[in-house]
Amino acid sequence: MVSKKIRKAGEEIREFRLKFRITQDALAEKIGINPRSIRWWESGKINPHPIFWERFVKIKNNYERRMTNKEAKVASTKKKGGN
């Protein structure tokens, strides 16, 4: 039986990848692991090692920060343009 904690980590990783359209291979490369590990995490077979989880969280936060900055710039541009 797969624990809820492992499943939740895998779900979070998958949701992040889909949201930002990142392949398992590309995310694995950014984290510095074998793509098979991403597949195992997402399927709930294993939980990420804390070192790799920390790397994932940093990458995720970086992407989300960039997205927030882009959204703020778009909103600012629309206000200036009157749209």
PDB file of N, CA and C in Angstrom:
ATOM      1  N   MET A   1       0.828  -1.184   0.000  1.00  0.00           N
ATOM      2  CA  MET A   1       0.000   0.000   0.000  1.00  0.00           C
ATOM      3  C   MET A   1       0.880   1.257   0.000  1.00  0.00           C
ATOM      4  N   VAL A   2       0.546   2.208  -0.839  1.00  0.00           N
ATOM      5  CA  VAL A   2       1.312   3.442  -0.962  1.00  0.00           C
ATOM      6  C   VAL A   2       0.829   4.419   0.098  1.00  0.00           C
ATOM      7  N   SER A   3       1.771   4.987   0.860  1.00  0.00           N
ATOM      8  CA  SER A   3       1.361   5.922   1.906  1.00  0.00           C
ATOM      9  C   SER A   3       0.857   7.226   1.291  1.00  0.00           C
ATOM     10  N   LYS A   4       0.018   7.925   2.040  1.00  0.00           N
ATOM     11  CA  LYS A   4      -0.546   9.194   1.566  1.00  0.00           C
ATOM     12  C   LYS A   4       0.544  10.234   1.370  1.00  0.00           C
ATOM     13  N   LYS A   5       1.572  10.206   2.229  1.00  0.00           N
ATOM     14  CA  LYS A   5       2.665  11.177   2.132  1.00  0.00           C
ATOM     15  C   LYS A   5       3.420  11.018   0.808  1.00  0.00           C
ATOM     16  N   ILE A   6       3.716   9.779   0.445  1.00  0.00           N
ATOM     17  CA  ILE A   6       4.428   9.522  -0.808  1.00  0.00           C
ATOM     18  C   ILE A   6       3.556   9.929  -1.988  1.00  0.00           C
ATOM     19  N   ARG A   7       2.292   9.547  -1.953  1.00  0.00           N
ATOM     20  CA  ARG A   7       1.374   9.879  -3.041  1.00  0.00           C
ATOM     21  C   ARG A   7       1.257  11.398  -3.178  1.00  0.00           C
ATOM     22  N   LYS A   8       1.180  12.106  -2.057  1.00  0.00           N
ATOM     23  CA  LYS A   8       1.037  13.557  -2.099  1.00  0.00           C
ATOM     24  C   LYS A   8       2.268  14.203  -2.738  1.00  0.00           C
ATOM     25  N   ALA A   9       3.456  13.748  -2.409  1.00  0.00           N
ATOM     26  CA  ALA A   9       4.678  14.290  -3.015  1.00  0.00           C
ATOM     27  C   ALA A   9       4.653  14.066  -4.519  1.00  0.00           C
ATOM     28  N   GLY A  10       4.297  12.860  -4.922  1.00  0.00           N
ATOM     29  CA  GLY A  10       4.232  12.540  -6.344  1.00  0.00           C
ATOM     30  C   GLY A  10       3.208  13.379  -7.072  1.00  0.00           C
ATOM     31  N   GLU A  11       2.057  13.594  -6.443  1.00  0.00           N
ATOM     32  CA  GLU A  11       1.011  14.413  -7.051  1.00  0.00           C
ATOM     33  C   GLU A  11       1.477  15.858  -7.202  1.00  0.00           C
ATOM     34  N   GLU A  12       2.168  16.369  -6.192  1.00  0.00           N
ATOM     35  CA  GLU A  12       2.666  17.745  -6.260  1.00  0.00           C
ATOM     36  C   GLU A  12       3.676  17.908  -7.397  1.00  0.00           C
ATOM     37  N   ILE A  13       4.543  16.943  -7.550  1.00  0.00           N
ATOM     38  CA  ILE A  13       5.540  16.983  -8.621  1.00  0.00           C
ATOM     39  C   ILE A  13       4.846  16.947  -9.984  1.00  0.00           C
ATOM     40  N   ARG A  14       3.902  16.052 -10.133  1.00  0.00           N
ATOM     41  CA  ARG A  14       3.179  15.932 -11.412  1.00  0.00           C
ATOM     42  C   ARG A  14       2.398  17.204 -11.731  1.00  0.00           C
ATOM     43  N   GLU A  15       1.698  17.748 -10.747  1.00  0.00           N
ATOM     44  CA  GLU A  15       0.935  18.984 -10.963  1.00  0.00           C
ATOM     45  C   GLU A  15       1.859  20.121 -11.395  1.00  0.00           C
ATOM     46  N   PHE A  16       3.010  20.218 -10.759  1.00  0.00           N
ATOM     47  CA  PHE A  16       3.983  21.253 -11.125  1.00  0.00           C
ATOM     48  C   PHE A  16       4.422  21.079 -12.572  1.00  0.00           C
ATOM     49  N   ARG A  17       4.786  19.853 -12.938  1.00  0.00           N
ATOM     50  CA  ARG A  17       5.254  19.605 -14.298  1.00  0.00           C
ATOM     51  C   ARG A  17       4.203  19.966 -15.339  1.00  0.00           C
ATOM     52  N   LEU A  18       2.969  19.551 -15.071  1.00  0.00           N
ATOM     53  CA  LEU A  18       1.898  19.822 -16.028  1.00  0.00           C
ATOM     54  C   LEU A  18       1.591  21.312 -16.120  1.00  0.00           C
ATOM     55  N   LYS A  19       1.587  21.983 -14.989  1.00  0.00           N
ATOM     56  CA  LYS A  19       1.304  23.422 -14.962  1.00  0.00           C
ATOM     57  C   LYS A  19       2.311  24.198 -15.802  1.00  0.00           C
ATOM     58  N   PHE A  20       3.584  23.818 -15.694  1.00  0.00           N
ATOM     59  CA  PHE A  20       4.641  24.551 -16.394  1.00  0.00           C
ATOM     60  C   PHE A  20       5.133  23.839 -17.654  1.00  0.00           C
ATOM     61  N   ARG A  21       4.430  22.771 -18.015  1.00  0.00           N
ATOM     62  CA  ARG A  21       4.741  22.020 -19.240  1.00  0.00           C
ATOM     63  C   ARG A  21       6.202  21.566 -19.294  1.00  0.00           C
ATOM     64  N   ILE A  22       6.609  20.899 -18.224  1.00  0.00           N
ATOM     65  CA  ILE A  22       7.972  20.384 -18.120  1.00  0.00           C
ATOM     66  C   ILE A  22       7.899  18.859 -18.205  1.00  0.00           C
ATOM     67  N   THR A  23       8.740  18.273 -19.029  1.00  0.00           N
ATOM     68  CA  THR A  23       8.766  16.816 -19.144  1.00  0.00           C
ATOM     69  C   THR A  23       9.458  16.205 -17.921  1.00  0.00           C
ATOM     70  N   GLN A  24       9.208  14.931 -17.724  1.00  0.00           N
ATOM     71  CA  GLN A  24       9.900  14.224 -16.640  1.00  0.00           C
ATOM     72  C   GLN A  24      11.407  14.278 -16.850  1.00  0.00           C
ATOM     73  N   ASP A  25      11.826  14.103 -18.098  1.00  0.00           N
ATOM     74  CA  ASP A  25      13.263  14.137 -18.393  1.00  0.00           C
ATOM     75  C   ASP A  25      13.872  15.497 -18.068  1.00  0.00           C
ATOM     76  N   ALA A  26      13.175  16.576 -18.448  1.00  0.00           N
ATOM     77  CA  ALA A  26      13.700  17.919 -18.207  1.00  0.00           C
ATOM     78  C   ALA A  26      13.774  18.219 -16.712  1.00  0.00           C
ATOM     79  N   LEU A  27      12.755  17.824 -15.964  1.00  0.00           N
ATOM     80  CA  LEU A  27      12.777  18.062 -14.520  1.00  0.00           C
ATOM     81  C   LEU A  27      13.888  17.245 -13.863  1.00  0.00           C
ATOM     82  N   ALA A  28      14.029  16.001 -14.300  1.00  0.00           N
ATOM     83  CA  ALA A  28      15.090  15.153 -13.748  1.00  0.00           C
ATOM     84  C   ALA A  28      16.458  15.788 -13.984  1.00  0.00           C
ATOM     85  N   GLU A  29      16.658  16.344 -15.169  1.00  0.00           N
ATOM     86  CA  GLU A  29      17.934  16.991 -15.480  1.00  0.00           C
ATOM     87  C   GLU A  29      18.167  18.195 -14.566  1.00  0.00           C
ATOM     88  N   LYS A  30      17.137  18.996 -14.333  1.00  0.00           N
ATOM     89  CA  LYS A  30      17.264  20.166 -13.469  1.00  0.00           C
ATOM     90  C   LYS A  30      17.599  19.766 -12.029  1.00  0.00           C
ATOM     91  N   ILE A  31      17.003  18.653 -11.576  1.00  0.00           N
ATOM     92  CA  ILE A  31      17.250  18.195 -10.212  1.00  0.00           C
ATOM     93  C   ILE A  31      18.582  17.462 -10.114  1.00  0.00           C
ATOM     94  N   GLY A  32      19.016  16.845 -11.218  1.00  0.00           N
ATOM     95  CA  GLY A  32      20.273  16.102 -11.224  1.00  0.00           C
ATOM     96  C   GLY A  32      20.079  14.634 -10.878  1.00  0.00           C
ATOM     97  N   ILE A  33      18.977  14.061 -11.385  1.00  0.00           N
ATOM     98  CA  ILE A  33      18.664  12.662 -11.104  1.00  0.00           C
ATOM     99  C   ILE A  33      18.278  11.941 -12.390  1.00  0.00           C
ATOM    100  N   ASN A  34      18.109  10.637 -12.278  1.00  0.00           N
ATOM    101  CA  ASN A  34      17.662   9.824 -13.397  1.00  0.00           C
ATOM    102  C   ASN A  34      16.166  10.056 -13.613  1.00  0.00           C
ATOM    103  N   PRO A  35      15.708  10.215 -14.854  1.00  0.00           N
ATOM    104  CA  PRO A  35      14.278  10.412 -15.115  1.00  0.00           C
ATOM    105  C   PRO A  35      13.385   9.326 -14.519  1.00  0.00           C
ATOM    106  N   ARG A  36      13.927   8.142 -14.362  1.00  0.00           N
ATOM    107  CA  ARG A  36      13.154   7.048 -13.762  1.00  0.00           C
ATOM    108  C   ARG A  36      12.686   7.428 -12.354  1.00  0.00           C
ATOM    109  N   SER A  37      13.505   8.186 -11.639  1.00  0.00           N
ATOM    110  CA  SER A  37      13.127   8.604 -10.283  1.00  0.00           C
ATOM    111  C   SER A  37      11.865   9.458 -10.299  1.00  0.00           C
ATOM    112  N   ILE A  38      11.755  10.359 -11.270  1.00  0.00           N
ATOM    113  CA  ILE A  38      10.564  11.193 -11.382  1.00  0.00           C
ATOM    114  C   ILE A  38       9.342  10.306 -11.598  1.00  0.00           C
ATOM    115  N   ARG A  39       9.466   9.331 -12.471  1.00  0.00           N
ATOM    116  CA  ARG A  39       8.351   8.416 -12.733  1.00  0.00           C
ATOM    117  C   ARG A  39       7.958   7.661 -11.466  1.00  0.00           C
ATOM    118  N   TRP A  40       8.944   7.210 -10.705  1.00  0.00           N
ATOM    119  CA  TRP A  40       8.672   6.483  -9.466  1.00  0.00           C
ATOM    120  C   TRP A  40       8.005   7.397  -8.437  1.00  0.00           C
ATOM    121  N   TRP A  41       8.497   8.630  -8.332  1.00  0.00           N
ATOM    122  CA  TRP A  41       7.893   9.572  -7.388  1.00  0.00           C
ATOM    123  C   TRP A  41       6.435   9.815  -7.739  1.00  0.00           C
ATOM    124  N   GLU A  42       6.196  10.092  -9.019  1.00  0.00           N
ATOM    125  CA  GLU A  42       4.833  10.418  -9.447  1.00  0.00           C
ATOM    126  C   GLU A  42       3.882   9.226  -9.303  1.00  0.00           C
ATOM    127  N   SER A  43       4.396   8.023  -9.453  1.00  0.00           N
ATOM    128  CA  SER A  43       3.550   6.835  -9.328  1.00  0.00           C
ATOM    129  C   SER A  43       3.351   6.438  -7.864  1.00  0.00           C
ATOM    130  N   GLY A  44       4.128   7.051  -6.971  1.00  0.00           N
ATOM    131  CA  GLY A  44       4.013   6.739  -5.547  1.00  0.00           C
ATOM    132  C   GLY A  44       4.820   5.537  -5.113  1.00  0.00           C
ATOM    133  N   LYS A  45       5.705   5.047  -5.994  1.00  0.00           N
ATOM    134  CA  LYS A  45       6.522   3.884  -5.624  1.00  0.00           C
ATOM    135  C   LYS A  45       7.537   4.240  -4.544  1.00  0.00           C
ATOM    136  N   ILE A  46       8.115   5.427  -4.653  1.00  0.00           N
ATOM    137  CA  ILE A  46       9.092   5.878  -3.659  1.00  0.00           C
ATOM    138  C   ILE A  46       8.875   7.362  -3.383  1.00  0.00           C
ATOM    139  N   ASN A  47       9.385   7.796  -2.250  1.00  0.00           N
ATOM    140  CA  ASN A  47       9.347   9.198  -1.871  1.00  0.00           C
ATOM    141  C   ASN A  47      10.695   9.828  -2.222  1.00  0.00           C
ATOM    142  N   PRO A  48      10.710  11.072  -2.660  1.00  0.00           N
ATOM    143  CA  PRO A  48      11.993  11.714  -2.965  1.00  0.00           C
ATOM    144  C   PRO A  48      12.889  11.797  -1.726  1.00  0.00           C
ATOM    145  N   HIS A  49      14.162  11.591  -1.934  1.00  0.00           N
ATOM    146  CA  HIS A  49      15.143  11.795  -0.867  1.00  0.00           C
ATOM    147  C   HIS A  49      15.098  13.272  -0.487  1.00  0.00           C
ATOM    148  N   PRO A  50      15.269  13.609   0.784  1.00  0.00           N
ATOM    149  CA  PRO A  50      15.181  15.014   1.210  1.00  0.00           C
ATOM    150  C   PRO A  50      16.051  15.988   0.410  1.00  0.00           C
ATOM    151  N   ILE A  51      17.232  15.559   0.000  1.00  0.00           N
ATOM    152  CA  ILE A  51      18.110  16.442  -0.788  1.00  0.00           C
ATOM    153  C   ILE A  51      17.449  16.765  -2.135  1.00  0.00           C
ATOM    154  N   PHE A  52      16.893  15.752  -2.776  1.00  0.00           N
ATOM    155  CA  PHE A  52      16.263  15.967  -4.082  1.00  0.00           C
ATOM    156  C   PHE A  52      14.928  16.691  -3.945  1.00  0.00           C
ATOM    157  N   TRP A  53      14.212  16.428  -2.838  1.00  0.00           N
ATOM    158  CA  TRP A  53      12.966  17.155  -2.591  1.00  0.00           C
ATOM    159  C   TRP A  53      13.270  18.650  -2.434  1.00  0.00           C
ATOM    160  N   GLU A  54      14.339  18.969  -1.710  1.00  0.00           N
ATOM    161  CA  GLU A  54      14.737  20.370  -1.518  1.00  0.00           C
ATOM    162  C   GLU A  54      15.067  21.024  -2.869  1.00  0.00           C
ATOM    163  N   ARG A  55      15.764  20.301  -3.727  1.00  0.00           N
ATOM    164  CA  ARG A  55      16.070  20.838  -5.060  1.00  0.00           C
ATOM    165  C   ARG A  55      14.786  21.089  -5.846  1.00  0.00           C
ATOM    166  N   PHE A  56      13.845  20.120  -5.773  1.00  0.00           N
ATOM    167  CA  PHE A  56      12.574  20.292  -6.470  1.00  0.00           C
ATOM    168  C   PHE A  56      11.843  21.529  -5.961  1.00  0.00           C
ATOM    169  N   VAL A  57      11.770  21.709  -4.660  1.00  0.00           N
ATOM    170  CA  VAL A  57      11.055  22.849  -4.077  1.00  0.00           C
ATOM    171  C   VAL A  57      11.677  24.167  -4.539  1.00  0.00           C
ATOM    172  N   LYS A  58      12.999  24.231  -4.594  1.00  0.00           N
ATOM    173  CA  LYS A  58      13.663  25.454  -5.075  1.00  0.00           C
ATOM    174  C   LYS A  58      13.301  25.730  -6.532  1.00  0.00           C
ATOM    175  N   ILE A  59      13.307  24.693  -7.345  1.00  0.00           N
ATOM    176  CA  ILE A  59      12.953  24.846  -8.764  1.00  0.00           C
ATOM    177  C   ILE A  59      11.499  25.303  -8.878  1.00  0.00           C
ATOM    178  N   LYS A  60      10.626  24.656  -8.142  1.00  0.00           N
ATOM    179  CA  LYS A  60       9.195  24.998  -8.168  1.00  0.00           C
ATOM    180  C   LYS A  60       8.982  26.453  -7.752  1.00  0.00           C
ATOM    181  N   ASN A  61       9.604  26.859  -6.663  1.00  0.00           N
ATOM    182  CA  ASN A  61       9.459  28.234  -6.187  1.00  0.00           C
ATOM    183  C   ASN A  61       9.975  29.235  -7.214  1.00  0.00           C
ATOM    184  N   ASN A  62      11.066  28.894  -7.864  1.00  0.00           N
ATOM    185  CA  ASN A  62      11.639  29.754  -8.892  1.00  0.00           C
ATOM    186  C   ASN A  62      10.662  29.950 -10.058  1.00  0.00           C
ATOM    187  N   TYR A  63      10.081  28.861 -10.518  1.00  0.00           N
ATOM    188  CA  TYR A  63       9.107  28.933 -11.621  1.00  0.00           C
ATOM    189  C   TYR A  63       7.885  29.753 -11.210  1.00  0.00           C
ATOM    190  N   GLU A  64       7.391  29.509 -10.004  1.00  0.00           N
ATOM    191  CA  GLU A  64       6.205  30.229  -9.548  1.00  0.00           C
ATOM    192  C   GLU A  64       6.483  31.715  -9.365  1.00  0.00           C
ATOM    193  N   ARG A  65       7.665  32.044  -8.884  1.00  0.00           N
ATOM    194  CA  ARG A  65       8.053  33.452  -8.719  1.00  0.00           C
ATOM    195  C   ARG A  65       8.112  34.139 -10.083  1.00  0.00           C
ATOM    196  N   ARG A  66       8.698  33.455 -11.065  1.00  0.00           N
ATOM    197  CA  ARG A  66       8.766  34.032 -12.413  1.00  0.00           C
ATOM    198  C   ARG A  66       7.370  34.234 -12.992  1.00  0.00           C
ATOM    199  N   MET A  67       6.477  33.276 -12.748  1.00  0.00           N
ATOM    200  CA  MET A  67       5.124  33.390 -13.258  1.00  0.00           C
ATOM    201  C   MET A  67       4.411  34.586 -12.610  1.00  0.00           C
ATOM    202  N   THR A  68       4.583  34.749 -11.316  1.00  0.00           N
ATOM    203  CA  THR A  68       3.966  35.866 -10.600  1.00  0.00           C
ATOM    204  C   THR A  68       4.500  37.190 -11.124  1.00  0.00           C
ATOM    205  N   ASN A  69       5.803  37.261 -11.373  1.00  0.00           N
ATOM    206  CA  ASN A  69       6.395  38.495 -11.910  1.00  0.00           C
ATOM    207  C   ASN A  69       5.851  38.813 -13.292  1.00  0.00           C
ATOM    208  N   LYS A  70       5.693  37.789 -14.136  1.00  0.00           N
ATOM    209  CA  LYS A  70       5.144  38.005 -15.479  1.00  0.00           C
ATOM    210  C   LYS A  70       3.709  38.505 -15.397  1.00  0.00           C
ATOM    211  N   GLU A  71       2.917  37.903 -14.510  1.00  0.00           N
ATOM    212  CA  GLU A  71       1.519  38.314 -14.358  1.00  0.00           C
ATOM    213  C   GLU A  71       1.435  39.761 -13.875  1.00  0.00           C
ATOM    214  N   ALA A  72       2.323  40.150 -12.970  1.00  0.00           N
ATOM    215  CA  ALA A  72       2.325  41.524 -12.461  1.00  0.00           C
ATOM    216  C   ALA A  72       2.684  42.498 -13.574  1.00  0.00           C
ATOM    217  N   LYS A  73       3.642  42.135 -14.420  1.00  0.00           N
ATOM    218  CA  LYS A  73       4.031  43.003 -15.532  1.00  0.00           C
ATOM    219  C   LYS A  73       2.887  43.160 -16.524  1.00  0.00           C
ATOM    220  N   VAL A  74       2.183  42.076 -16.808  1.00  0.00           N
ATOM    221  CA  VAL A  74       1.053  42.130 -17.736  1.00  0.00           C
ATOM    222  C   VAL A  74      -0.037  43.036 -17.165  1.00  0.00           C
ATOM    223  N   ALA A  75      -0.341  42.888 -15.889  1.00  0.00           N
ATOM    224  CA  ALA A  75      -1.370  43.714 -15.254  1.00  0.00           C
ATOM    225  C   ALA A  75      -0.971  45.177 -15.272  1.00  0.00           C
ATOM    226  N   SER A  76       0.289  45.457 -15.021  1.00  0.00           N
ATOM    227  CA  SER A  76       0.795  46.823 -15.022  1.00  0.00           C
ATOM    228  C   SER A  76       0.705  47.429 -16.420  1.00  0.00           C
ATOM    229  N   THR A  77       1.047  46.651 -17.428  1.00  0.00           N
ATOM    230  CA  THR A  77       0.974  47.114 -18.810  1.00  0.00           C
ATOM    231  C   THR A  77      -0.459  47.405 -19.208  1.00  0.00           C
ATOM    232  N   LYS A  78      -1.393  46.561 -18.794  1.00  0.00           N
ATOM    233  CA  LYS A  78      -2.804  46.775 -19.108  1.00  0.00           C
ATOM    234  C   LYS A  78      -3.340  48.046 -18.452  1.00  0.00           C
ATOM    235  N   LYS A  79      -2.907  48.329 -17.218  1.00  0.00           N
ATOM    236  CA  LYS A  79      -3.354  49.546 -16.525  1.00  0.00           C
ATOM    237  C   LYS A  79      -2.853  50.792 -17.263  1.00  0.00           C
ATOM    238  N   LYS A  80      -1.597  50.768 -17.683  1.00  0.00           N
ATOM    239  CA  LYS A  80      -0.997  51.914 -18.381  1.00  0.00           C
ATOM    240  C   LYS A  80      -1.662  52.132 -19.743  1.00  0.00           C
ATOM    241  N   GLY A  81      -1.999  51.035 -20.396  1.00  0.00           N
ATOM    242  CA  GLY A  81      -2.594  51.117 -21.723  1.00  0.00           C
ATOM    243  C   GLY A  81      -4.078  51.358 -21.695  1.00  0.00           C
ATOM    244  N   GLY A  82      -4.673  51.274 -20.527  1.00  0.00           N
ATOM    245  CA  GLY A  82      -6.104  51.505 -20.412  1.00  0.00           C
ATOM    246  C   GLY A  82      -6.964  50.340 -20.825  1.00  0.00           C
ATOM    247  N   ASN A  83      -6.381  49.157 -21.003  1.00  0.00           N
ATOM    248  CA  ASN A  83      -7.172  47.971 -21.395  1.00  0.00           C
ATOM    249  C   ASN A  83      -7.687  47.246 -20.210  1.00  0.00           C
TER     250      ASN A  83
END
